[in-house]
Amino acid sequence: MNKPQSFYIGLMSGTSLDGIDAVLAKIGSNGEATAVDAVSAPFAPELRKALFELQSPGPNELHREKQAGNALALAYAEAVMQLLNKTKLQPSDITAIGAHGQTIRHQPHLGDMAYTHQTLNPALLAEKTGIDVIADFRSRDLAAGGHGAPLVPAFHAQQFIEDKNLAILNIGGIANLTLLPKNGEVTGFDCGPGNMLMDAWIHEDQGNAFDENGAWALQGKANEALLAKMLNDPFFAKTPPKSTGRDDFHLHWLHEKIGNENYLSEDVQATLLHLTAHSVLDALVRHSPLTQKLIVCGGGARNYGLMNLFKAKAAHFFKQPLEIITSDAAGIDPQLVEGLAFAWLAWAHKEKRPANLPAVTGAKGPRILGACYPA
């Protein structure tokens, strides 16, 4: 049996490929989670390049993927050791590591042939850290007919419940919503691109990894015709459960939308900023029109241009006032919410508690998620 409170470490490297967040969590017997400390580490350029190239088909993929999985495990292990050194804890103090790995394929629409793949060598991670590793969280839900994503709504429901119609928006590479109405009927889904296309466009045009505070986007002007083309993508009209990733939204997709038009680069970036804001608010008003409060987390919460755009556009979508804040106000650094969620998912696995929400993923029922790699 676990102690009333146990230490777990959550590891997250998201679709944006910006690096690793390692979060030390203290989790109580009922699943209440607190972020104790954290370290963040950027990917080495060669690892980021390898992971990015695996997003698309290419030669000798099996070898390259296994090598990238090993390199990611070593980078994860280094982040864990930095966190242990920072907090003066020993591997024996940690019950388990929850490690999502790096998604390189997500194909949930293929029936019994559906699959999802997150590259990682969890056995190597367990070996290097001396800590049990829980990984491969999506596969069990997928086997039960679900999308295997998004996984964080169960954690959001544990962590953020209030006496009002609440929604949690996580903006990583992809944006996903968790809907927490007062009646307790928790739902959630991916609603479209978050930072991913903006990051890809600024990297292609300027070589920068991301658009800090949306500054470049704010130099441009959103093109309404281009935005309409983007919003015409079939994904946005799908009803939940639904999930997405780089399989659907990528640079080739963006270039197809641009076509032969001669848009200013900063106008394309401004349009992508509006795409994220519009698709989120449109999804929210369609599926939870009585939402009173939106809590934003993930790297996008630090994009002040995007946050201000949400607030400016909300009045056009909602009849009632919509309070929009970041998860800082709820006591969790926006950058650490997903890492904390994967620590919680590791706890749920160890406690043999189902951690998927069938209303979110479409699975046939609750399932215990993850596979354990003992130290």
Protein backbone atom coordinates (compact mmCIF):
# COMPACT_ATOMS: atom_id res chain seq x y z
CA MET A 1 0.00 0.00 0.00
CA ASN A 2 1.16 3.52 -0.73
CA LYS A 3 1.76 5.99 2.05
CA PRO A 4 -0.98 8.61 2.57
CA GLN A 5 1.15 10.87 0.41
CA SER A 6 3.64 9.58 -2.14
CA PHE A 7 6.13 11.18 -4.49
CA TYR A 8 5.78 10.68 -8.24
CA ILE A 9 7.55 12.28 -11.18
CA GLY A 10 5.69 13.24 -14.34
CA LEU A 11 7.59 13.68 -17.60
CA MET A 12 6.11 15.51 -20.55
CA SER A 13 7.50 16.49 -23.93
CA GLY A 14 4.67 17.76 -26.07
CA THR A 15 3.78 18.10 -29.72
CA SER A 16 5.60 21.43 -29.94
CA LEU A 17 8.92 19.58 -29.51
CA ASP A 18 10.22 22.40 -27.31
CA GLY A 19 11.72 20.20 -24.59
CA ILE A 20 11.07 18.26 -21.40
CA ASP A 21 9.18 19.20 -18.26
CA ALA A 22 9.92 17.01 -15.24
CA VAL A 23 7.51 17.62 -12.35
CA LEU A 24 7.87 16.27 -8.82
CA ALA A 25 4.38 15.63 -7.46
CA LYS A 26 3.10 14.78 -4.03
CA ILE A 27 -0.09 12.75 -4.41
CA GLY A 28 -2.49 11.90 -1.61
CA SER A 29 -4.49 8.72 -1.11
CA ASN A 30 -7.50 10.18 -2.94
CA GLY A 31 -5.46 11.45 -5.87
CA GLU A 32 -5.06 15.06 -4.79
CA ALA A 33 -1.86 16.24 -6.50
CA THR A 34 0.54 19.06 -5.69
CA ALA A 35 3.50 20.17 -7.79
CA VAL A 36 6.44 20.26 -5.37
CA ASP A 37 9.18 21.28 -7.79
CA ALA A 38 10.13 21.00 -11.44
CA VAL A 39 12.91 21.31 -13.97
CA SER A 40 12.57 22.08 -17.67
CA ALA A 41 15.19 21.23 -20.25
CA PRO A 42 15.22 22.07 -23.98
CA PHE A 43 15.83 19.26 -26.43
CA ALA A 44 19.31 18.96 -27.84
CA PRO A 45 19.10 20.15 -31.48
CA GLU A 46 19.93 16.71 -32.86
CA LEU A 47 17.19 15.03 -30.78
CA ARG A 48 14.62 17.64 -31.75
CA LYS A 49 15.57 17.17 -35.41
CA ALA A 50 15.30 13.38 -35.16
CA LEU A 51 11.89 13.54 -33.48
CA PHE A 52 10.60 16.11 -35.97
CA GLU A 53 11.72 14.06 -38.95
CA LEU A 54 9.93 11.00 -37.57
CA GLN A 55 6.63 12.87 -37.80
CA SER A 56 6.61 12.06 -41.54
CA PRO A 57 7.40 8.83 -43.40
CA GLY A 58 11.04 8.40 -44.37
CA PRO A 59 13.81 5.87 -45.00
CA ASN A 60 15.00 3.39 -42.34
CA GLU A 61 12.29 4.57 -39.94
CA LEU A 62 12.48 1.59 -37.58
CA HIS A 63 16.16 2.14 -36.83
CA ARG A 64 15.81 5.91 -36.54
CA GLU A 65 12.78 5.61 -34.27
CA LYS A 66 14.49 3.17 -31.92
CA GLN A 67 17.55 5.41 -31.73
CA ALA A 68 15.36 8.44 -31.01
CA GLY A 69 13.49 6.47 -28.32
CA ASN A 70 16.79 5.63 -26.64
CA ALA A 71 18.00 9.24 -26.87
CA LEU A 72 14.71 10.47 -25.43
CA ALA A 73 14.96 8.01 -22.53
CA LEU A 74 18.48 9.30 -21.76
CA ALA A 75 17.28 12.91 -21.92
CA TYR A 76 14.35 12.04 -19.63
CA ALA A 77 16.74 10.30 -17.21
CA GLU A 78 18.96 13.37 -17.11
CA ALA A 79 15.95 15.58 -16.32
CA VAL A 80 14.91 13.18 -13.52
CA MET A 81 18.41 13.27 -12.01
CA GLN A 82 18.44 17.07 -12.15
CA LEU A 83 15.10 17.13 -10.34
CA LEU A 84 16.28 14.67 -7.68
CA ASN A 85 19.47 16.67 -7.12
CA LYS A 86 17.47 19.89 -6.89
CA THR A 87 15.08 18.45 -4.30
CA LYS A 88 17.72 16.34 -2.49
CA LEU A 89 15.66 13.19 -2.93
CA GLN A 90 16.81 9.66 -3.74
CA PRO A 91 15.33 7.33 -6.39
CA SER A 92 13.98 5.21 -3.52
CA ASP A 93 11.84 8.20 -2.44
CA ILE A 94 9.89 8.12 -5.73
CA THR A 95 7.08 5.61 -6.20
CA ALA A 96 7.08 5.83 -10.00
CA ILE A 97 7.72 7.99 -13.04
CA GLY A 98 4.88 8.68 -15.46
CA ALA A 99 6.38 9.16 -18.93
CA HIS A 100 4.25 9.96 -21.96
CA GLY A 101 6.99 9.68 -24.58
CA GLN A 102 6.90 11.57 -27.87
CA THR A 103 3.95 11.03 -30.16
CA ILE A 104 5.10 10.34 -33.72
CA ARG A 105 1.93 8.70 -35.11
CA HIS A 106 -1.69 8.89 -34.00
CA GLN A 107 -4.24 7.00 -36.10
CA PRO A 108 -7.31 6.33 -33.93
CA HIS A 109 -9.82 6.14 -36.80
CA LEU A 110 -8.94 2.68 -38.14
CA GLY A 111 -11.27 0.46 -36.08
CA ASP A 112 -9.54 -2.68 -34.83
CA MET A 113 -6.45 -1.62 -36.79
CA ALA A 114 -6.22 1.75 -35.00
CA TYR A 115 -2.90 2.60 -33.41
CA THR A 116 -0.98 5.31 -31.65
CA HIS A 117 2.76 5.39 -31.09
CA GLN A 118 4.79 7.38 -28.60
CA THR A 119 8.50 6.79 -29.04
CA LEU A 120 10.44 6.04 -25.83
CA ASN A 121 12.52 3.24 -24.33
CA PRO A 122 10.88 3.03 -20.88
CA ALA A 123 13.00 0.05 -19.86
CA LEU A 124 16.13 2.12 -20.43
CA LEU A 125 14.60 4.98 -18.44
CA ALA A 126 13.89 2.63 -15.52
CA GLU A 127 17.42 1.27 -15.74
CA LYS A 128 19.05 4.70 -15.75
CA THR A 129 16.95 6.18 -12.94
CA GLY A 130 16.39 3.18 -10.65
CA ILE A 131 12.69 4.12 -10.50
CA ASP A 132 9.64 2.23 -11.78
CA VAL A 133 8.40 3.74 -15.05
CA ILE A 134 4.78 3.79 -16.18
CA ALA A 135 4.48 4.47 -19.92
CA ASP A 136 2.32 3.71 -22.97
CA PHE A 137 -0.78 5.32 -21.47
CA ARG A 138 -2.83 5.56 -24.67
CA SER A 139 -2.84 1.98 -25.96
CA ARG A 140 -5.29 0.46 -23.47
CA ASP A 141 -7.94 3.06 -24.17
CA LEU A 142 -7.41 2.63 -27.91
CA ALA A 143 -7.84 -1.14 -27.56
CA ALA A 144 -11.20 -0.46 -25.90
CA GLY A 145 -12.37 1.50 -28.93
CA GLY A 146 -11.30 4.96 -27.75
CA HIS A 147 -9.00 7.56 -29.24
CA GLY A 148 -6.42 7.18 -26.48
CA ALA A 149 -6.57 10.98 -26.17
CA PRO A 150 -6.92 13.44 -24.68
CA LEU A 151 -5.82 11.87 -21.39
CA VAL A 152 -5.65 14.90 -19.11
CA PRO A 153 -9.40 15.55 -18.60
CA ALA A 154 -9.61 12.93 -15.82
CA PHE A 155 -6.84 14.79 -14.00
CA HIS A 156 -8.48 18.16 -14.67
CA ALA A 157 -11.72 16.84 -13.17
CA GLN A 158 -9.78 15.78 -10.06
CA GLN A 159 -7.89 19.03 -9.74
CA PHE A 160 -10.04 21.96 -10.85
CA ILE A 161 -13.71 21.40 -9.91
CA GLU A 162 -15.58 24.59 -8.88
CA ASP A 163 -19.20 25.48 -8.25
CA LYS A 164 -19.62 26.99 -11.71
CA ASN A 165 -19.56 25.87 -15.32
CA LEU A 166 -15.84 25.51 -15.84
CA ALA A 167 -13.62 24.62 -18.79
CA ILE A 168 -9.90 23.85 -18.88
CA LEU A 169 -7.98 24.67 -22.04
CA ASN A 170 -4.57 23.12 -22.55
CA ILE A 171 -2.60 24.79 -25.33
CA GLY A 172 0.42 22.76 -26.33
CA GLY A 173 1.14 21.90 -29.93
CA ILE A 174 -2.51 20.86 -30.05
CA ALA A 175 -5.28 22.59 -28.09
CA ASN A 176 -7.65 20.45 -26.05
CA LEU A 177 -10.63 21.28 -23.88
CA THR A 178 -11.96 19.69 -20.70
CA LEU A 179 -15.55 20.68 -19.91
CA LEU A 180 -16.48 20.62 -16.22
CA PRO A 181 -20.09 21.81 -15.90
CA LYS A 182 -21.79 22.13 -12.53
CA ASN A 183 -23.89 19.04 -13.28
CA GLY A 184 -20.72 16.92 -13.12
CA GLU A 185 -20.86 15.51 -16.66
CA VAL A 186 -17.16 15.71 -17.57
CA THR A 187 -16.31 15.73 -21.27
CA GLY A 188 -13.32 16.80 -23.34
CA PHE A 189 -11.69 16.64 -26.76
CA ASP A 190 -8.95 18.02 -28.97
CA CYS A 191 -10.24 21.16 -30.66
CA GLY A 192 -7.45 21.85 -33.18
CA PRO A 193 -3.97 23.37 -33.49
CA GLY A 194 -2.55 25.16 -30.49
CA ASN A 195 1.02 26.39 -30.93
CA MET A 196 2.11 23.81 -33.48
CA LEU A 197 1.41 25.60 -36.75
CA MET A 198 2.58 28.96 -35.41
CA ASP A 199 5.83 27.35 -34.27
CA ALA A 200 6.30 25.60 -37.62
CA TRP A 201 5.65 28.76 -39.64
CA ILE A 202 8.00 31.01 -37.70
CA HIS A 203 10.69 28.32 -37.78
CA GLU A 204 10.39 27.97 -41.55
CA ASP A 205 10.32 31.72 -42.17
CA GLN A 206 12.74 33.01 -39.53
CA GLY A 207 14.45 30.00 -37.94
CA ASN A 208 12.97 30.75 -34.51
CA ALA A 209 11.56 27.95 -32.38
CA PHE A 210 8.44 29.90 -31.39
CA ASP A 211 6.78 33.32 -31.56
CA GLU A 212 7.43 34.77 -28.11
CA ASN A 213 4.30 36.46 -26.75
CA GLY A 214 2.82 36.33 -30.26
CA ALA A 215 4.94 39.40 -31.08
CA TRP A 216 5.45 38.53 -34.74
CA ALA A 217 1.78 37.62 -35.21
CA LEU A 218 0.80 40.97 -33.74
CA GLN A 219 2.85 42.72 -36.46
CA GLY A 220 0.57 41.20 -39.08
CA LYS A 221 -3.13 41.27 -39.86
CA ALA A 222 -5.30 38.16 -39.97
CA ASN A 223 -6.53 37.37 -43.47
CA GLU A 224 -10.21 36.46 -43.29
CA ALA A 225 -10.22 34.48 -46.55
CA LEU A 226 -7.23 32.38 -45.43
CA LEU A 227 -8.79 31.88 -42.00
CA ALA A 228 -12.00 30.65 -43.64
CA LYS A 229 -10.01 28.13 -45.70
CA MET A 230 -8.32 26.85 -42.55
CA LEU A 231 -11.57 26.58 -40.61
CA ASN A 232 -13.09 24.61 -43.49
CA ASP A 233 -10.93 21.63 -42.53
CA PRO A 234 -13.25 18.67 -41.76
CA PHE A 235 -11.71 18.15 -38.32
CA PHE A 236 -13.37 21.25 -36.89
CA ALA A 237 -16.85 20.04 -37.85
CA LYS A 238 -16.40 16.58 -36.31
CA THR A 239 -18.34 15.83 -33.16
CA PRO A 240 -16.43 14.53 -30.12
CA PRO A 241 -14.91 12.19 -29.18
CA LYS A 242 -12.10 13.41 -31.37
CA SER A 243 -8.34 13.79 -31.22
CA THR A 244 -5.70 15.09 -33.58
CA GLY A 245 -1.99 15.79 -33.98
CA ARG A 246 0.73 16.30 -36.57
CA ASP A 247 -0.93 13.63 -38.73
CA ASP A 248 -3.64 16.23 -39.49
CA PHE A 249 -2.03 19.65 -39.01
CA HIS A 250 1.46 20.26 -40.41
CA LEU A 251 3.41 22.58 -42.70
CA HIS A 252 2.21 20.83 -45.86
CA TRP A 253 -1.39 21.40 -44.69
CA LEU A 254 -0.60 25.08 -44.19
CA HIS A 255 1.05 25.45 -47.60
CA GLU A 256 -1.98 23.83 -49.22
CA LYS A 257 -4.22 26.44 -47.58
CA ILE A 258 -1.93 29.27 -48.70
CA GLY A 259 -1.79 27.92 -52.26
CA ASN A 260 -0.48 30.42 -54.79
CA GLU A 261 -1.55 33.48 -52.80
CA ASN A 262 1.19 35.97 -51.96
CA TYR A 263 0.45 36.64 -48.29
CA LEU A 264 2.86 38.55 -46.07
CA SER A 265 4.55 36.09 -43.71
CA GLU A 266 3.46 38.03 -40.63
CA ASP A 267 -0.13 38.01 -41.91
CA VAL A 268 -0.01 34.21 -42.12
CA GLN A 269 1.23 34.12 -38.54
CA ALA A 270 -1.54 36.49 -37.43
CA THR A 271 -4.08 34.27 -39.19
CA LEU A 272 -2.72 31.20 -37.37
CA LEU A 273 -3.06 33.05 -34.06
CA HIS A 274 -6.71 33.75 -34.93
CA LEU A 275 -7.18 30.11 -36.01
CA THR A 276 -6.22 28.88 -32.56
CA ALA A 277 -8.41 31.42 -30.76
CA HIS A 278 -11.40 31.03 -33.09
CA SER A 279 -11.37 27.20 -33.15
CA VAL A 280 -11.15 27.01 -29.35
CA LEU A 281 -13.95 29.50 -28.69
CA ASP A 282 -16.15 28.04 -31.41
CA ALA A 283 -15.74 24.53 -29.94
CA LEU A 284 -16.41 25.82 -26.45
CA VAL A 285 -19.60 27.67 -27.35
CA ARG A 286 -20.89 24.73 -29.42
CA HIS A 287 -20.32 22.11 -26.73
CA SER A 288 -20.58 24.14 -23.52
CA PRO A 289 -22.41 27.42 -24.22
CA LEU A 290 -23.03 28.11 -20.52
CA THR A 291 -19.33 28.10 -19.60
CA GLN A 292 -18.58 30.83 -17.07
CA LYS A 293 -14.85 30.39 -16.53
CA LEU A 294 -11.99 29.21 -18.76
CA ILE A 295 -8.69 28.21 -17.17
CA VAL A 296 -5.81 28.14 -19.66
CA CYS A 297 -2.67 26.03 -19.20
CA GLY A 298 0.18 24.77 -21.37
CA GLY A 299 2.82 26.80 -23.17
CA GLY A 300 0.16 28.84 -24.98
CA ALA A 301 -0.88 30.40 -21.69
CA ARG A 302 2.40 32.33 -21.86
CA ASN A 303 1.53 33.76 -25.29
CA TYR A 304 0.09 37.09 -24.19
CA GLY A 305 -0.98 37.95 -27.71
CA LEU A 306 -3.08 34.78 -27.80
CA MET A 307 -4.50 35.30 -24.30
CA ASN A 308 -5.53 38.87 -25.16
CA LEU A 309 -7.12 37.64 -28.38
CA PHE A 310 -9.18 35.07 -26.46
CA LYS A 311 -10.49 37.83 -24.21
CA ALA A 312 -11.22 40.15 -27.13
CA LYS A 313 -13.07 37.49 -29.14
CA ALA A 314 -14.98 35.86 -26.26
CA ALA A 315 -17.72 38.51 -26.30
CA HIS A 316 -18.48 37.64 -29.94
CA PHE A 317 -19.07 33.99 -29.04
CA PHE A 318 -20.72 34.09 -25.61
CA LYS A 319 -23.84 35.87 -24.42
CA GLN A 320 -22.69 35.84 -20.80
CA PRO A 321 -19.34 37.11 -19.48
CA LEU A 322 -16.58 34.52 -19.77
CA GLU A 323 -13.81 34.81 -17.19
CA ILE A 324 -10.48 33.79 -18.75
CA ILE A 325 -7.47 33.14 -16.51
CA THR A 326 -4.35 30.99 -16.52
CA SER A 327 -3.82 28.07 -14.17
CA ASP A 328 -1.42 30.26 -12.15
CA ALA A 329 -4.54 31.54 -10.40
CA ALA A 330 -5.38 27.95 -9.42
CA GLY A 331 -1.91 27.42 -7.98
CA ILE A 332 -0.28 25.50 -10.86
CA ASP A 333 2.27 26.90 -13.30
CA PRO A 334 0.65 26.51 -16.76
CA GLN A 335 3.80 24.87 -18.09
CA LEU A 336 3.65 22.15 -15.44
CA VAL A 337 0.01 21.02 -15.65
CA GLU A 338 0.63 18.22 -18.16
CA GLY A 339 3.71 16.95 -16.34
CA LEU A 340 1.69 16.91 -13.11
CA ALA A 341 -1.07 15.05 -14.97
CA PHE A 342 1.31 12.28 -16.01
CA ALA A 343 2.55 11.92 -12.45
CA TRP A 344 -1.12 11.50 -11.51
CA LEU A 345 -1.65 8.95 -14.29
CA ALA A 346 1.30 6.94 -12.91
CA TRP A 347 -0.33 7.10 -9.46
CA ALA A 348 -3.63 5.86 -10.93
CA HIS A 349 -1.84 2.93 -12.57
CA LYS A 350 -0.09 1.98 -9.33
CA GLU A 351 -3.39 2.24 -7.46
CA LYS A 352 -5.15 0.14 -10.16
CA ARG A 353 -7.64 2.94 -10.76
CA PRO A 354 -9.13 3.57 -14.22
CA ALA A 355 -7.88 6.90 -15.56
CA ASN A 356 -9.63 7.29 -18.89
CA LEU A 357 -12.98 8.97 -19.32
CA PRO A 358 -15.09 7.10 -21.91
CA ALA A 359 -17.16 10.26 -22.51
CA VAL A 360 -13.92 11.94 -23.59
CA THR A 361 -12.10 9.24 -25.54
CA GLY A 362 -15.00 7.14 -26.80
CA ALA A 363 -13.74 3.94 -25.14
CA LYS A 364 -16.20 1.17 -24.25
CA GLY A 365 -15.60 1.77 -20.56
CA PRO A 366 -13.12 2.78 -17.83
CA ARG A 367 -9.68 1.19 -18.15
CA ILE A 368 -6.45 1.12 -16.16
CA LEU A 369 -3.91 2.90 -18.33
CA GLY A 370 -0.21 2.35 -18.87
CA ALA A 371 2.36 -0.40 -18.65
CA CYS A 372 4.87 -0.74 -15.81
CA TYR A 373 8.60 -1.16 -16.33
CA PRO A 374 10.03 -2.02 -12.89
CA ALA A 375 13.39 -0.57 -11.87
